[in-house]
């Protein structure tokens, strides 16, 4: 969080980190035929969404940031 209460840098950082995690998972899990779609969704929720949303409760979002 910035001194003026803005969280833009943290939000952008979380989005970029989640993109990297998703890219890694897509390479690892995308071609796996032995895993069900439900399992792939479970892994996505447990990793990508968790990385993206970590700390989001403290983000101060402005209209300009949406």
C-alpha atoms as a PDB file:
ATOM      1  CA  UNK A   1       0.000   0.000   0.000  1.00  0.00           C
ATOM      2  CA  UNK A   2       1.303   3.439  -0.872  1.00  0.00           C
ATOM      3  CA  UNK A   3       1.544   6.191   1.764  1.00  0.00           C
ATOM      4  CA  UNK A   4      -1.574   7.872   0.359  1.00  0.00           C
ATOM      5  CA  UNK A   5      -3.602   4.680   0.832  1.00  0.00           C
ATOM      6  CA  UNK A   6      -3.492   3.495  -2.775  1.00  0.00           C
ATOM      7  CA  UNK A   7      -2.842  -0.162  -3.540  1.00  0.00           C
ATOM      8  CA  UNK A   8      -2.320   0.059  -7.290  1.00  0.00           C
ATOM      9  CA  UNK A   9       1.276  -1.237  -7.283  1.00  0.00           C
ATOM     10  CA  UNK A  10       0.332  -4.222  -5.122  1.00  0.00           C
ATOM     11  CA  UNK A  11      -2.669  -5.020  -7.319  1.00  0.00           C
ATOM     12  CA  UNK A  12      -0.583  -4.885 -10.508  1.00  0.00           C
ATOM     13  CA  UNK A  13       2.093  -7.046  -8.874  1.00  0.00           C
ATOM     14  CA  UNK A  14      -0.493  -9.655  -7.810  1.00  0.00           C
ATOM     15  CA  UNK A  15      -1.999  -9.758 -11.311  1.00  0.00           C
ATOM     16  CA  UNK A  16       1.430 -10.286 -12.884  1.00  0.00           C
ATOM     17  CA  UNK A  17       2.367 -12.988 -10.372  1.00  0.00           C
ATOM     18  CA  UNK A  18      -0.934 -14.791 -10.974  1.00  0.00           C
ATOM     19  CA  UNK A  19      -0.294 -14.659 -14.731  1.00  0.00           C
ATOM     20  CA  UNK A  20       3.104 -16.299 -14.241  1.00  0.00           C
ATOM     21  CA  UNK A  21       1.622 -19.026 -12.031  1.00  0.00           C
ATOM     22  CA  UNK A  22      -1.161 -19.632 -14.564  1.00  0.00           C
ATOM     23  CA  UNK A  23       1.366 -19.880 -17.390  1.00  0.00           C
ATOM     24  CA  UNK A  24       3.412 -22.459 -15.477  1.00  0.00           C
ATOM     25  CA  UNK A  25       0.308 -24.480 -14.621  1.00  0.00           C
ATOM     26  CA  UNK A  26      -0.956 -24.348 -18.195  1.00  0.00           C
ATOM     27  CA  UNK A  27       2.325 -25.837 -19.414  1.00  0.00           C
ATOM     28  CA  UNK A  28       2.259 -28.550 -16.740  1.00  0.00           C
ATOM     29  CA  UNK A  29      -1.430 -29.415 -16.628  1.00  0.00           C
ATOM     30  CA  UNK A  30      -2.696 -28.372 -20.038  1.00  0.00           C
ATOM     31  CA  UNK A  31      -1.518 -31.488 -21.800  1.00  0.00           C
ATOM     32  CA  UNK A  32      -2.267 -33.944 -18.992  1.00  0.00           C
ATOM     33  CA  UNK A  33      -5.058 -36.270 -20.094  1.00  0.00           C
ATOM     34  CA  UNK A  34      -4.952 -38.274 -16.863  1.00  0.00           C
ATOM     35  CA  UNK A  35      -6.323 -35.354 -14.804  1.00  0.00           C
ATOM     36  CA  UNK A  36      -9.991 -34.510 -14.895  1.00  0.00           C
ATOM     37  CA  UNK A  37     -11.230 -31.013 -15.617  1.00  0.00           C
ATOM     38  CA  UNK A  38     -12.527 -30.858 -12.048  1.00  0.00           C
ATOM     39  CA  UNK A  39      -9.029 -31.557 -10.700  1.00  0.00           C
ATOM     40  CA  UNK A  40      -7.503 -28.923 -12.971  1.00  0.00           C
ATOM     41  CA  UNK A  41     -10.054 -26.395 -11.707  1.00  0.00           C
ATOM     42  CA  UNK A  42      -9.241 -27.369  -8.135  1.00  0.00           C
ATOM     43  CA  UNK A  43      -5.515 -26.804  -8.750  1.00  0.00           C
ATOM     44  CA  UNK A  44      -6.293 -23.450 -10.413  1.00  0.00           C
ATOM     45  CA  UNK A  45      -8.384 -22.309  -7.465  1.00  0.00           C
ATOM     46  CA  UNK A  46      -5.765 -23.475  -4.974  1.00  0.00           C
ATOM     47  CA  UNK A  47      -2.915 -21.698  -6.715  1.00  0.00           C
ATOM     48  CA  UNK A  48      -3.709 -18.962  -9.226  1.00  0.00           C
ATOM     49  CA  UNK A  49      -6.709 -17.467  -7.441  1.00  0.00           C
ATOM     50  CA  UNK A  50      -4.973 -17.726  -4.084  1.00  0.00           C
ATOM     51  CA  UNK A  51      -1.913 -15.848  -5.389  1.00  0.00           C
ATOM     52  CA  UNK A  52      -4.095 -13.230  -7.072  1.00  0.00           C
ATOM     53  CA  UNK A  53      -6.373 -12.523  -4.139  1.00  0.00           C
ATOM     54  CA  UNK A  54      -3.824 -12.680  -1.301  1.00  0.00           C
ATOM     55  CA  UNK A  55      -4.192  -9.490   0.724  1.00  0.00           C
ATOM     56  CA  UNK A  56      -7.088  -8.148  -1.333  1.00  0.00           C
ATOM     57  CA  UNK A  57      -9.071  -7.376   1.811  1.00  0.00           C
ATOM     58  CA  UNK A  58      -6.739  -4.476   2.530  1.00  0.00           C
ATOM     59  CA  UNK A  59      -6.670  -3.025  -0.978  1.00  0.00           C
ATOM     60  CA  UNK A  60      -8.147   0.425  -1.349  1.00  0.00           C
ATOM     61  CA  UNK A  61      -9.631   0.478  -4.843  1.00  0.00           C
ATOM     62  CA  UNK A  62     -10.523   3.754  -6.503  1.00  0.00           C
ATOM     63  CA  UNK A  63     -12.908   4.195  -9.414  1.00  0.00           C
ATOM     64  CA  UNK A  64      -9.899   4.962 -11.656  1.00  0.00           C
ATOM     65  CA  UNK A  65      -8.325   1.605 -10.742  1.00  0.00           C
ATOM     66  CA  UNK A  66     -11.300  -0.533 -11.795  1.00  0.00           C
END
